[in-house]
Amino acid sequence: MPIESVPNLLAGFNLGAGFGAKIFAVLFVIFYVVFALILFRQIQLMDRSLPTQIAPFLKFISILQIGIGLAFLFVVIGAF
């Protein structure tokens, strides 16, 4: 194999690894948003069964977490 073909081989590998990293990042953020939605639902169920004074604060934090997850998802998708 001639030495001139080595950079071309490595350039193709870097493109594949970068694409794989982007796909991993998008999937990770999607799973994070799903987790945040499940967490919000669990807080709603907890508030119905055992109302406390801290429940509105927990709901606010969970909604904030969903918003941050969605914003991060748009940032990651925009990186493509």
Protein backbone atom coordinates (compact mmCIF):
# COMPACT_ATOMS: atom_id res chain seq x y z
CA MET A 1 0.00 0.00 0.00
CA PRO A 2 1.53 3.34 -1.02
CA ILE A 3 2.07 5.95 1.67
CA GLU A 4 -0.05 8.51 -0.27
CA SER A 5 -3.25 6.51 0.33
CA VAL A 6 -2.91 6.51 4.14
CA PRO A 7 -4.32 10.06 4.70
CA ASN A 8 -7.33 9.24 2.50
CA LEU A 9 -8.01 6.12 4.54
CA LEU A 10 -7.81 8.06 7.82
CA ALA A 11 -10.05 10.86 6.50
CA GLY A 12 -12.82 8.36 5.77
CA PHE A 13 -12.50 6.88 9.26
CA ASN A 14 -12.80 10.28 10.95
CA LEU A 15 -15.94 11.08 8.99
CA GLY A 16 -17.54 7.82 10.14
CA ALA A 17 -16.54 8.33 13.77
CA GLY A 18 -17.87 11.90 13.75
CA PHE A 19 -21.18 10.80 12.32
CA GLY A 20 -21.42 8.02 14.91
CA ALA A 21 -20.73 10.50 17.70
CA LYS A 22 -23.47 12.81 16.40
CA ILE A 23 -25.98 9.96 16.24
CA PHE A 24 -25.01 8.93 19.78
CA ALA A 25 -25.46 12.51 21.02
CA VAL A 26 -28.90 12.83 19.43
CA LEU A 27 -30.06 9.49 20.85
CA PHE A 28 -28.68 10.35 24.28
CA VAL A 29 -30.57 13.65 24.37
CA ILE A 30 -33.79 12.01 23.13
CA PHE A 31 -33.55 9.45 25.94
CA TYR A 32 -32.88 12.29 28.40
CA VAL A 33 -36.03 14.13 27.28
CA VAL A 34 -38.06 10.92 27.65
CA PHE A 35 -36.59 10.49 31.14
CA ALA A 36 -37.56 14.08 32.01
CA LEU A 37 -41.13 13.46 30.82
CA ILE A 38 -41.37 10.29 32.90
CA LEU A 39 -40.01 12.18 35.90
CA PHE A 40 -42.65 14.90 35.44
CA ARG A 41 -45.39 12.26 35.29
CA GLN A 42 -44.09 10.59 38.45
CA ILE A 43 -44.12 13.94 40.28
CA GLN A 44 -47.74 14.49 39.19
CA LEU A 45 -48.74 11.05 40.49
CA MET A 46 -46.87 11.64 43.75
CA ASP A 47 -48.66 14.97 44.24
CA ARG A 48 -52.06 13.33 43.77
CA SER A 49 -51.41 10.53 46.22
CA LEU A 50 -49.38 12.46 48.81
CA PRO A 51 -49.78 16.25 48.54
CA THR A 52 -46.98 18.24 50.16
CA GLN A 53 -45.90 21.87 50.28
CA ILE A 54 -42.85 21.20 48.10
CA ALA A 55 -44.85 19.66 45.21
CA PRO A 56 -45.23 22.93 43.22
CA PHE A 57 -41.47 23.50 43.45
CA LEU A 58 -40.79 19.95 42.24
CA LYS A 59 -43.21 20.45 39.34
CA PHE A 60 -41.43 23.67 38.40
CA ILE A 61 -38.03 21.97 38.48
CA SER A 62 -39.29 19.06 36.36
CA ILE A 63 -40.82 21.43 33.77
CA LEU A 64 -37.54 23.35 33.72
CA GLN A 65 -35.70 20.07 33.17
CA ILE A 66 -37.95 19.21 30.21
CA GLY A 67 -37.33 22.65 28.71
CA ILE A 68 -33.58 22.37 29.10
CA GLY A 69 -33.65 18.90 27.54
CA LEU A 70 -35.64 20.12 24.55
CA ALA A 71 -33.37 23.14 24.11
CA PHE A 72 -30.33 20.87 24.24
CA LEU A 73 -31.98 18.57 21.69
CA PHE A 74 -32.42 21.50 19.29
CA VAL A 75 -28.79 22.53 19.83
CA VAL A 76 -27.52 19.00 19.12
CA ILE A 77 -29.71 18.60 16.03
CA GLY A 78 -28.60 22.04 14.85
CA ALA A 79 -24.99 20.89 15.07
CA PHE A 80 -25.57 18.69 12.01
